[in-house]
N, C-alpha and C. Protein backbone atom coordinates (compact mmCIF):
# COMPACT_ATOMS: atom_id res chain seq x y z
N UNK A 1 -25.11 -0.20 24.60
CA UNK A 1 -24.37 -1.45 24.70
C UNK A 1 -24.41 -2.22 23.38
N UNK A 2 -25.61 -2.34 22.80
CA UNK A 2 -25.77 -3.07 21.54
C UNK A 2 -24.98 -2.39 20.42
N UNK A 3 -24.96 -1.05 20.43
CA UNK A 3 -24.21 -0.30 19.42
C UNK A 3 -22.72 -0.60 19.55
N UNK A 4 -22.21 -0.68 20.77
CA UNK A 4 -20.81 -0.99 21.01
C UNK A 4 -20.46 -2.40 20.54
N UNK A 5 -21.34 -3.36 20.79
CA UNK A 5 -21.11 -4.74 20.34
C UNK A 5 -21.11 -4.83 18.81
N UNK A 6 -22.00 -4.09 18.18
CA UNK A 6 -22.06 -4.08 16.71
C UNK A 6 -20.76 -3.50 16.14
N UNK A 7 -20.31 -2.40 16.72
CA UNK A 7 -19.06 -1.78 16.25
C UNK A 7 -17.89 -2.72 16.48
N UNK A 8 -17.86 -3.38 17.64
CA UNK A 8 -16.80 -4.33 17.94
C UNK A 8 -16.82 -5.51 16.96
N UNK A 9 -17.99 -6.03 16.67
CA UNK A 9 -18.12 -7.15 15.73
C UNK A 9 -17.66 -6.74 14.34
N UNK A 10 -18.04 -5.55 13.89
CA UNK A 10 -17.61 -5.06 12.58
C UNK A 10 -16.09 -4.87 12.54
N UNK A 11 -15.54 -4.36 13.63
CA UNK A 11 -14.09 -4.17 13.70
C UNK A 11 -13.37 -5.51 13.62
N UNK A 12 -13.85 -6.51 14.33
CA UNK A 12 -13.23 -7.85 14.30
C UNK A 12 -13.33 -8.45 12.90
N UNK A 13 -14.50 -8.34 12.27
CA UNK A 13 -14.66 -8.85 10.89
C UNK A 13 -13.72 -8.14 9.93
N UNK A 14 -13.59 -6.84 10.11
CA UNK A 14 -12.68 -6.08 9.26
C UNK A 14 -11.25 -6.56 9.42
N UNK A 15 -10.82 -6.76 10.67
CA UNK A 15 -9.45 -7.21 10.94
C UNK A 15 -9.21 -8.62 10.40
N UNK A 16 -10.20 -9.48 10.53
CA UNK A 16 -10.05 -10.85 10.03
C UNK A 16 -10.01 -10.90 8.51
N UNK A 17 -10.67 -9.96 7.87
CA UNK A 17 -10.72 -9.97 6.40
C UNK A 17 -9.49 -9.32 5.79
N UNK A 18 -8.70 -8.62 6.59
CA UNK A 18 -7.48 -8.00 6.07
C UNK A 18 -6.49 -9.09 5.71
N UNK A 19 -5.97 -9.00 4.51
CA UNK A 19 -5.02 -10.00 4.04
C UNK A 19 -3.61 -9.46 4.20
N UNK A 20 -2.77 -10.23 4.80
CA UNK A 20 -1.38 -9.83 4.98
C UNK A 20 -0.69 -9.85 3.62
N UNK A 21 0.00 -8.77 3.28
CA UNK A 21 0.58 -8.63 1.94
C UNK A 21 2.10 -8.81 1.97
N UNK A 22 2.64 -9.38 3.05
CA UNK A 22 4.07 -9.60 3.13
C UNK A 22 4.50 -10.59 2.06
N UNK A 23 5.68 -10.40 1.56
CA UNK A 23 6.22 -11.29 0.53
C UNK A 23 7.50 -11.89 1.06
N UNK A 24 7.64 -13.19 0.92
CA UNK A 24 8.81 -13.89 1.41
C UNK A 24 9.74 -14.18 0.22
N UNK A 25 10.86 -13.47 0.13
CA UNK A 25 11.77 -13.65 -1.00
C UNK A 25 12.44 -15.03 -1.00
N UNK A 26 12.51 -15.67 0.16
CA UNK A 26 13.13 -17.00 0.23
C UNK A 26 12.17 -18.11 -0.21
N UNK A 27 10.89 -17.86 -0.10
CA UNK A 27 9.86 -18.82 -0.52
C UNK A 27 8.80 -18.05 -1.31
N UNK A 28 9.16 -17.59 -2.52
CA UNK A 28 8.26 -16.70 -3.25
C UNK A 28 7.00 -17.39 -3.76
N UNK A 29 5.93 -16.63 -3.72
CA UNK A 29 4.66 -17.02 -4.30
C UNK A 29 4.55 -16.24 -5.61
N UNK A 30 4.56 -16.95 -6.73
CA UNK A 30 4.60 -16.28 -8.05
C UNK A 30 3.38 -15.41 -8.26
N UNK A 31 2.20 -15.90 -7.91
CA UNK A 31 0.99 -15.11 -8.11
C UNK A 31 1.07 -13.81 -7.32
N UNK A 32 1.52 -13.89 -6.09
CA UNK A 32 1.66 -12.69 -5.26
C UNK A 32 2.73 -11.75 -5.84
N UNK A 33 3.84 -12.32 -6.30
CA UNK A 33 4.91 -11.52 -6.91
C UNK A 33 4.37 -10.73 -8.10
N UNK A 34 3.67 -11.41 -8.99
CA UNK A 34 3.12 -10.76 -10.19
C UNK A 34 2.11 -9.70 -9.79
N UNK A 35 1.25 -10.02 -8.84
CA UNK A 35 0.25 -9.07 -8.37
C UNK A 35 0.92 -7.81 -7.81
N UNK A 36 1.98 -8.00 -7.02
CA UNK A 36 2.68 -6.85 -6.45
C UNK A 36 3.42 -6.05 -7.52
N UNK A 37 3.98 -6.71 -8.52
CA UNK A 37 4.62 -5.98 -9.62
C UNK A 37 3.59 -5.10 -10.33
N UNK A 38 2.44 -5.70 -10.62
CA UNK A 38 1.39 -4.97 -11.35
C UNK A 38 0.82 -3.81 -10.54
N UNK A 39 0.69 -4.00 -9.23
CA UNK A 39 0.10 -2.96 -8.39
C UNK A 39 1.13 -1.94 -7.89
N UNK A 40 2.41 -2.22 -8.12
CA UNK A 40 3.46 -1.30 -7.67
C UNK A 40 3.78 -1.45 -6.19
N UNK A 41 3.40 -2.57 -5.58
CA UNK A 41 3.59 -2.73 -4.14
C UNK A 41 4.74 -3.67 -3.77
N UNK A 42 5.48 -4.20 -4.76
CA UNK A 42 6.63 -5.04 -4.42
C UNK A 42 7.66 -4.15 -3.74
N UNK A 43 8.06 -4.52 -2.54
CA UNK A 43 8.93 -3.62 -1.76
C UNK A 43 10.05 -4.33 -1.01
N UNK A 44 10.64 -5.31 -1.65
CA UNK A 44 11.75 -6.03 -1.03
C UNK A 44 13.05 -5.39 -1.51
N UNK A 45 13.73 -4.69 -0.62
CA UNK A 45 14.93 -3.93 -0.99
C UNK A 45 16.14 -4.37 -0.20
N UNK A 46 17.28 -4.29 -0.84
CA UNK A 46 18.56 -4.36 -0.15
C UNK A 46 18.72 -2.98 0.48
N UNK A 47 19.06 -2.98 1.75
CA UNK A 47 19.19 -1.69 2.43
C UNK A 47 20.65 -1.44 2.83
N UNK A 48 20.98 -0.18 2.91
CA UNK A 48 22.32 0.23 3.30
C UNK A 48 22.48 0.28 4.81
N UNK A 49 23.63 0.70 5.24
CA UNK A 49 23.94 0.77 6.68
C UNK A 49 22.97 1.67 7.44
N UNK A 50 22.49 2.71 6.79
CA UNK A 50 21.58 3.66 7.45
C UNK A 50 20.12 3.35 7.16
N UNK A 51 19.85 2.18 6.59
CA UNK A 51 18.47 1.79 6.30
C UNK A 51 17.93 2.31 4.98
N UNK A 52 18.76 3.00 4.20
CA UNK A 52 18.29 3.53 2.93
C UNK A 52 18.14 2.39 1.92
N UNK A 53 17.14 2.50 1.05
CA UNK A 53 16.88 1.50 0.03
C UNK A 53 17.92 1.63 -1.08
N UNK A 54 18.61 0.52 -1.38
CA UNK A 54 19.64 0.53 -2.41
C UNK A 54 19.11 0.01 -3.75
N UNK A 55 18.55 -1.20 -3.75
CA UNK A 55 17.95 -1.78 -4.96
C UNK A 55 16.98 -2.87 -4.54
N UNK A 56 16.09 -3.20 -5.46
CA UNK A 56 15.11 -4.25 -5.17
C UNK A 56 15.78 -5.61 -5.24
N UNK A 57 15.31 -6.52 -4.39
CA UNK A 57 15.88 -7.87 -4.29
C UNK A 57 15.08 -8.81 -5.18
N UNK A 58 15.80 -9.60 -5.97
CA UNK A 58 15.16 -10.63 -6.78
C UNK A 58 14.79 -11.80 -5.85
N UNK A 59 13.56 -12.28 -5.93
CA UNK A 59 13.19 -13.45 -5.11
C UNK A 59 14.07 -14.65 -5.44
N UNK A 60 14.18 -15.56 -4.49
CA UNK A 60 14.97 -16.79 -4.67
C UNK A 60 14.12 -17.83 -5.39
N UNK A 61 13.99 -17.63 -6.69
CA UNK A 61 13.20 -18.55 -7.50
C UNK A 61 13.94 -19.87 -7.67
N UNK A 62 13.19 -20.92 -7.92
CA UNK A 62 13.77 -22.24 -8.19
C UNK A 62 13.08 -22.83 -9.41
N UNK A 63 13.56 -23.98 -9.83
CA UNK A 63 13.05 -24.64 -11.03
C UNK A 63 11.54 -24.85 -10.97
N UNK A 64 11.01 -25.07 -9.77
CA UNK A 64 9.57 -25.30 -9.63
C UNK A 64 8.74 -24.07 -9.99
N UNK A 65 9.35 -22.89 -10.02
CA UNK A 65 8.64 -21.66 -10.34
C UNK A 65 8.54 -21.40 -11.85
N UNK A 66 9.36 -22.08 -12.63
CA UNK A 66 9.41 -21.81 -14.07
C UNK A 66 8.06 -21.94 -14.76
N UNK A 67 7.30 -23.03 -14.55
CA UNK A 67 6.01 -23.12 -15.27
C UNK A 67 5.06 -21.96 -14.98
N UNK A 68 5.01 -21.50 -13.73
CA UNK A 68 4.13 -20.38 -13.42
C UNK A 68 4.64 -19.07 -14.01
N UNK A 69 5.95 -18.87 -14.00
CA UNK A 69 6.49 -17.66 -14.63
C UNK A 69 6.15 -17.65 -16.12
N UNK A 70 6.29 -18.79 -16.76
CA UNK A 70 5.93 -18.88 -18.19
C UNK A 70 4.44 -18.64 -18.37
N UNK A 71 3.63 -19.23 -17.50
CA UNK A 71 2.19 -19.05 -17.61
C UNK A 71 1.80 -17.59 -17.45
N UNK A 72 2.32 -16.93 -16.43
CA UNK A 72 1.98 -15.52 -16.19
C UNK A 72 2.57 -14.59 -17.26
N UNK A 73 3.54 -15.07 -18.03
CA UNK A 73 4.13 -14.21 -19.07
C UNK A 73 3.17 -13.98 -20.23
N UNK A 74 1.98 -14.56 -20.18
CA UNK A 74 0.92 -14.27 -21.18
C UNK A 74 0.50 -12.80 -21.09
N UNK A 75 0.74 -12.21 -19.94
CA UNK A 75 0.33 -10.83 -19.70
C UNK A 75 1.40 -9.90 -20.26
N UNK A 76 1.09 -9.29 -21.38
CA UNK A 76 2.07 -8.39 -22.01
C UNK A 76 1.73 -6.92 -21.76
N UNK A 77 1.01 -6.67 -20.68
CA UNK A 77 0.70 -5.28 -20.35
C UNK A 77 1.96 -4.56 -19.90
N UNK A 78 1.94 -3.25 -20.07
CA UNK A 78 3.04 -2.41 -19.61
C UNK A 78 2.72 -1.94 -18.19
N UNK A 79 3.68 -2.11 -17.29
CA UNK A 79 3.50 -1.70 -15.90
C UNK A 79 4.30 -0.42 -15.69
N UNK A 80 3.59 0.63 -15.26
CA UNK A 80 4.19 1.93 -15.02
C UNK A 80 3.72 2.41 -13.65
N UNK A 81 4.54 2.96 -12.82
CA UNK A 81 5.99 3.02 -12.94
C UNK A 81 6.58 1.64 -12.71
N UNK A 82 7.86 1.52 -12.99
CA UNK A 82 8.51 0.21 -12.91
C UNK A 82 9.75 0.23 -12.02
N UNK A 83 9.87 1.22 -11.16
CA UNK A 83 11.06 1.33 -10.30
C UNK A 83 11.07 0.30 -9.17
N UNK A 84 10.02 -0.49 -9.04
CA UNK A 84 9.94 -1.51 -7.99
C UNK A 84 10.26 -2.91 -8.52
N UNK A 85 10.58 -3.04 -9.80
CA UNK A 85 10.92 -4.33 -10.39
C UNK A 85 12.36 -4.69 -10.02
N UNK A 86 12.60 -5.90 -9.52
CA UNK A 86 13.99 -6.31 -9.27
C UNK A 86 14.75 -6.38 -10.59
N UNK A 87 15.90 -5.77 -10.64
CA UNK A 87 16.74 -5.78 -11.83
C UNK A 87 18.19 -5.93 -11.39
N UNK A 88 19.03 -6.25 -12.33
CA UNK A 88 20.44 -6.46 -12.04
C UNK A 88 21.05 -5.14 -11.55
N UNK A 89 21.52 -5.09 -10.31
CA UNK A 89 22.02 -3.82 -9.77
C UNK A 89 23.31 -3.33 -10.41
N UNK A 90 24.03 -4.18 -11.15
CA UNK A 90 25.27 -3.73 -11.78
C UNK A 90 25.03 -3.15 -13.17
N UNK A 91 23.82 -3.22 -13.66
CA UNK A 91 23.53 -2.71 -15.00
C UNK A 91 23.31 -1.21 -14.99
N UNK A 92 23.85 -0.56 -16.00
CA UNK A 92 23.60 0.88 -16.17
C UNK A 92 22.60 1.11 -17.30
N UNK A 93 22.12 0.03 -17.90
CA UNK A 93 21.16 0.13 -19.00
C UNK A 93 19.75 0.14 -18.41
N UNK A 94 18.97 1.18 -18.67
CA UNK A 94 17.61 1.19 -18.12
C UNK A 94 16.75 0.11 -18.79
N UNK A 95 16.02 -0.68 -18.00
CA UNK A 95 15.26 -1.80 -18.56
C UNK A 95 13.88 -1.42 -19.07
N UNK A 96 13.52 -0.18 -18.99
CA UNK A 96 12.15 0.20 -19.28
C UNK A 96 11.93 0.61 -20.73
N UNK A 97 10.65 0.70 -21.05
CA UNK A 97 10.17 1.24 -22.33
C UNK A 97 9.47 2.55 -21.98
N UNK A 98 9.39 3.44 -22.92
CA UNK A 98 8.68 4.69 -22.71
C UNK A 98 7.30 4.56 -23.37
N UNK A 99 6.26 4.78 -22.58
CA UNK A 99 4.90 4.74 -23.09
C UNK A 99 4.14 5.92 -22.48
N UNK A 100 3.60 6.76 -23.33
CA UNK A 100 2.92 7.98 -22.87
C UNK A 100 3.79 8.79 -21.91
N UNK A 101 5.06 8.92 -22.26
CA UNK A 101 6.04 9.65 -21.46
C UNK A 101 6.26 9.06 -20.07
N UNK A 102 5.95 7.77 -19.90
CA UNK A 102 6.18 7.09 -18.61
C UNK A 102 7.13 5.92 -18.83
N UNK A 103 7.94 5.64 -17.83
CA UNK A 103 8.84 4.49 -17.85
C UNK A 103 8.04 3.26 -17.44
N UNK A 104 8.05 2.23 -18.31
CA UNK A 104 7.26 1.02 -18.08
C UNK A 104 8.10 -0.22 -18.40
N UNK A 105 7.66 -1.34 -17.87
CA UNK A 105 8.24 -2.64 -18.22
C UNK A 105 7.11 -3.53 -18.69
N UNK A 106 7.34 -4.28 -19.80
CA UNK A 106 6.35 -5.24 -20.26
C UNK A 106 6.44 -6.46 -19.36
N UNK A 107 5.36 -6.76 -18.68
CA UNK A 107 5.36 -7.80 -17.66
C UNK A 107 5.77 -9.17 -18.23
N UNK A 108 5.20 -9.58 -19.36
CA UNK A 108 5.52 -10.88 -19.94
C UNK A 108 6.99 -11.03 -20.26
N UNK A 109 7.58 -10.00 -20.85
CA UNK A 109 9.01 -10.03 -21.18
C UNK A 109 9.83 -10.19 -19.90
N UNK A 110 9.47 -9.44 -18.87
CA UNK A 110 10.19 -9.48 -17.60
C UNK A 110 10.11 -10.87 -16.96
N UNK A 111 8.94 -11.48 -16.96
CA UNK A 111 8.77 -12.80 -16.33
C UNK A 111 9.54 -13.88 -17.09
N UNK A 112 9.63 -13.76 -18.41
CA UNK A 112 10.45 -14.72 -19.17
C UNK A 112 11.93 -14.55 -18.82
N UNK A 113 12.34 -13.31 -18.58
CA UNK A 113 13.72 -13.04 -18.15
C UNK A 113 13.99 -13.70 -16.80
N UNK A 114 13.01 -13.65 -15.90
CA UNK A 114 13.15 -14.32 -14.60
C UNK A 114 13.27 -15.82 -14.79
N UNK A 115 12.45 -16.39 -15.68
CA UNK A 115 12.52 -17.84 -15.96
C UNK A 115 13.89 -18.20 -16.54
N UNK A 116 14.41 -17.38 -17.43
CA UNK A 116 15.73 -17.64 -18.03
C UNK A 116 16.82 -17.68 -16.97
N UNK A 117 16.74 -16.79 -15.99
CA UNK A 117 17.75 -16.77 -14.92
C UNK A 117 17.73 -18.09 -14.15
N UNK A 118 16.56 -18.61 -13.88
CA UNK A 118 16.46 -19.88 -13.17
C UNK A 118 17.05 -21.00 -14.02
N UNK A 119 16.71 -21.01 -15.28
CA UNK A 119 17.21 -22.04 -16.21
C UNK A 119 18.73 -22.02 -16.25
N UNK A 120 19.31 -20.82 -16.26
CA UNK A 120 20.76 -20.68 -16.31
C UNK A 120 21.40 -20.80 -14.92
N UNK A 121 20.58 -20.96 -13.89
CA UNK A 121 21.06 -21.08 -12.51
C UNK A 121 21.89 -19.85 -12.11
N UNK A 122 21.32 -18.68 -12.40
CA UNK A 122 21.97 -17.41 -12.10
C UNK A 122 20.98 -16.50 -11.38
N UNK A 123 21.49 -15.45 -10.79
CA UNK A 123 20.61 -14.47 -10.15
C UNK A 123 19.83 -13.67 -11.20
N UNK A 124 20.51 -13.36 -12.31
CA UNK A 124 19.90 -12.59 -13.39
C UNK A 124 20.31 -13.22 -14.73
N UNK A 125 19.38 -13.24 -15.67
CA UNK A 125 19.66 -13.85 -16.97
C UNK A 125 20.63 -13.02 -17.79
N UNK A 126 20.66 -11.73 -17.53
CA UNK A 126 21.53 -10.82 -18.27
C UNK A 126 21.61 -9.52 -17.48
N UNK A 127 22.27 -8.54 -18.05
CA UNK A 127 22.35 -7.26 -17.36
C UNK A 127 20.98 -6.61 -17.20
N UNK A 128 20.12 -6.81 -18.17
CA UNK A 128 18.82 -6.14 -18.13
C UNK A 128 17.74 -7.00 -18.79
N UNK A 129 16.49 -6.88 -18.34
CA UNK A 129 15.42 -7.68 -18.90
C UNK A 129 14.91 -7.14 -20.24
N UNK A 130 15.83 -7.06 -21.18
CA UNK A 130 15.50 -6.57 -22.52
C UNK A 130 15.73 -7.71 -23.49
N UNK A 131 14.67 -8.11 -24.16
CA UNK A 131 14.77 -9.15 -25.18
C UNK A 131 15.11 -8.49 -26.51
N UNK A 132 16.08 -9.06 -27.21
CA UNK A 132 16.53 -8.50 -28.48
C UNK A 132 16.36 -9.57 -29.56
N UNK A 133 15.93 -9.13 -30.73
CA UNK A 133 15.83 -10.00 -31.89
C UNK A 133 16.99 -9.63 -32.81
N UNK A 134 17.88 -10.59 -33.09
CA UNK A 134 19.06 -10.34 -33.92
C UNK A 134 18.70 -9.86 -35.33
N UNK A 135 17.50 -10.16 -35.79
CA UNK A 135 17.15 -9.82 -37.16
C UNK A 135 16.81 -8.34 -37.35
N UNK A 136 16.77 -7.57 -36.26
CA UNK A 136 16.61 -6.13 -36.41
C UNK A 136 17.37 -5.40 -35.32
N UNK A 137 17.40 -4.11 -35.38
CA UNK A 137 18.20 -3.27 -34.49
C UNK A 137 17.94 -3.58 -33.02
N UNK A 138 19.00 -3.55 -32.22
CA UNK A 138 18.90 -3.81 -30.78
C UNK A 138 18.06 -2.75 -30.07
N UNK A 139 17.88 -1.59 -30.69
CA UNK A 139 17.08 -0.54 -30.08
C UNK A 139 15.59 -0.82 -30.21
N UNK A 140 15.20 -1.63 -31.20
CA UNK A 140 13.79 -1.95 -31.40
C UNK A 140 13.40 -3.07 -30.44
N UNK A 141 12.37 -2.83 -29.65
CA UNK A 141 11.92 -3.81 -28.66
C UNK A 141 10.78 -4.64 -29.24
N UNK A 142 10.77 -5.93 -28.95
CA UNK A 142 9.65 -6.77 -29.39
C UNK A 142 8.34 -6.31 -28.76
N UNK A 143 7.27 -6.38 -29.54
CA UNK A 143 5.95 -6.02 -29.04
C UNK A 143 5.29 -7.21 -28.36
N UNK A 144 4.05 -7.02 -27.95
CA UNK A 144 3.32 -8.05 -27.23
C UNK A 144 3.17 -9.35 -27.99
N UNK A 145 2.84 -9.27 -29.28
CA UNK A 145 2.67 -10.49 -30.07
C UNK A 145 3.97 -11.28 -30.15
N UNK A 146 5.06 -10.58 -30.32
CA UNK A 146 6.36 -11.25 -30.40
C UNK A 146 6.76 -11.87 -29.06
N UNK A 147 6.44 -11.17 -27.96
CA UNK A 147 6.71 -11.74 -26.63
C UNK A 147 5.91 -13.03 -26.45
N UNK A 148 4.69 -13.06 -26.94
CA UNK A 148 3.88 -14.29 -26.85
C UNK A 148 4.48 -15.42 -27.67
N UNK A 149 5.11 -15.08 -28.81
CA UNK A 149 5.81 -16.09 -29.61
C UNK A 149 7.01 -16.63 -28.83
N UNK A 150 7.74 -15.76 -28.17
CA UNK A 150 8.89 -16.18 -27.36
C UNK A 150 8.40 -17.00 -26.17
N UNK A 151 7.28 -16.62 -25.61
CA UNK A 151 6.68 -17.39 -24.52
C UNK A 151 6.42 -18.82 -24.97
N UNK A 152 5.95 -18.98 -26.19
CA UNK A 152 5.70 -20.32 -26.73
C UNK A 152 7.00 -21.11 -26.85
N UNK A 153 8.09 -20.44 -27.19
CA UNK A 153 9.41 -21.10 -27.24
C UNK A 153 9.76 -21.64 -25.85
N UNK A 154 9.55 -20.81 -24.83
CA UNK A 154 9.84 -21.23 -23.46
C UNK A 154 8.90 -22.37 -23.03
N UNK A 155 7.64 -22.26 -23.40
CA UNK A 155 6.68 -23.32 -23.04
C UNK A 155 7.09 -24.64 -23.67
N UNK A 156 7.45 -24.63 -24.95
CA UNK A 156 7.89 -25.86 -25.64
C UNK A 156 9.18 -26.39 -25.01
N UNK A 157 10.08 -25.49 -24.68
CA UNK A 157 11.33 -25.90 -24.03
C UNK A 157 11.02 -26.60 -22.71
N UNK A 158 10.13 -26.01 -21.91
CA UNK A 158 9.80 -26.59 -20.62
C UNK A 158 9.21 -27.99 -20.79
N UNK A 159 8.31 -28.14 -21.74
CA UNK A 159 7.68 -29.44 -21.97
C UNK A 159 8.69 -30.50 -22.40
N UNK A 160 9.73 -30.08 -23.13
CA UNK A 160 10.73 -31.05 -23.59
C UNK A 160 11.85 -31.29 -22.58
N UNK A 161 12.32 -30.23 -21.94
CA UNK A 161 13.51 -30.35 -21.10
C UNK A 161 13.31 -30.01 -19.63
N UNK A 162 12.22 -29.38 -19.27
CA UNK A 162 12.04 -28.81 -17.94
C UNK A 162 12.26 -29.76 -16.79
N UNK A 163 11.81 -30.98 -16.92
CA UNK A 163 11.94 -31.92 -15.81
C UNK A 163 13.18 -32.80 -15.94
N UNK A 164 13.94 -32.60 -16.98
CA UNK A 164 15.14 -33.40 -17.22
C UNK A 164 16.29 -32.90 -16.35
N UNK A 165 17.02 -33.84 -15.80
CA UNK A 165 18.20 -33.50 -15.01
C UNK A 165 19.44 -33.39 -15.89
N UNK A 166 19.32 -33.87 -17.11
CA UNK A 166 20.45 -33.83 -18.05
C UNK A 166 20.69 -32.41 -18.54
N UNK A 167 21.86 -32.20 -19.11
CA UNK A 167 22.12 -30.89 -19.71
C UNK A 167 21.25 -30.76 -20.96
N UNK A 168 20.93 -29.57 -21.28
CA UNK A 168 20.03 -29.30 -22.40
C UNK A 168 20.33 -27.93 -22.96
N UNK A 169 19.90 -27.66 -24.19
CA UNK A 169 20.13 -26.32 -24.75
C UNK A 169 19.26 -25.29 -24.03
N UNK A 170 19.69 -24.06 -24.05
CA UNK A 170 18.88 -22.98 -23.48
C UNK A 170 17.70 -22.72 -24.41
N UNK A 171 16.60 -22.21 -23.89
CA UNK A 171 15.41 -22.01 -24.71
C UNK A 171 15.63 -21.17 -25.97
N UNK A 172 16.45 -20.15 -25.89
CA UNK A 172 16.64 -19.26 -27.04
C UNK A 172 17.88 -19.61 -27.88
N UNK A 173 18.51 -20.75 -27.58
CA UNK A 173 19.79 -21.11 -28.20
C UNK A 173 19.77 -21.09 -29.72
N UNK A 174 18.76 -21.62 -30.33
CA UNK A 174 18.74 -21.70 -31.79
C UNK A 174 17.68 -20.78 -32.38
N UNK A 175 17.54 -19.63 -31.77
CA UNK A 175 16.58 -18.62 -32.25
C UNK A 175 17.33 -17.33 -32.54
N UNK A 176 16.61 -16.34 -33.01
CA UNK A 176 17.20 -15.03 -33.24
C UNK A 176 17.16 -14.14 -32.00
N UNK A 177 16.72 -14.68 -30.88
CA UNK A 177 16.54 -13.89 -29.68
C UNK A 177 17.68 -14.09 -28.68
N UNK A 178 17.94 -13.03 -27.91
CA UNK A 178 18.86 -13.13 -26.78
C UNK A 178 18.50 -12.04 -25.78
N UNK A 179 18.96 -12.25 -24.55
CA UNK A 179 18.73 -11.25 -23.50
C UNK A 179 19.90 -10.29 -23.45
N UNK A 180 19.61 -9.03 -23.47
CA UNK A 180 20.66 -7.98 -23.50
C UNK A 180 21.36 -7.89 -22.18
């Protein structure tokens, strides 16, 4: 009897300690979103008539999410695989980088792209989450240090214009950067 009670108590503790990993695209939690991107567990898909997965759904971000997206963009690690990242479904340009023969996305670059979409009041900032520097070839991708410099541009923009209801320039407007 005591053994059964012990097993039952352990089972209840185990069930109570399990954390629900559901993600609500209509009320996104940025920390959870980033965690799921990094772990490869983001699984919000547009599905077809037969239930087949068509493409990943971008969460319904709002202006209140911008500071956290900018904050989390400090992480310039490469996430591989990256087929679970929400991307513009009409784009034919692959958004990934190749690292050790794997397709990856730089997390910080991607999160800044998400912030840009909110700023522009669009679903996607561009066809693909690829940051380009006009001062060199479009095929060359910015590295981690450069993404952190761009992050600082977004941070400064947010501090100056983020809470303003007035029209304002876009963060990259007077820079050499643009989203492809």
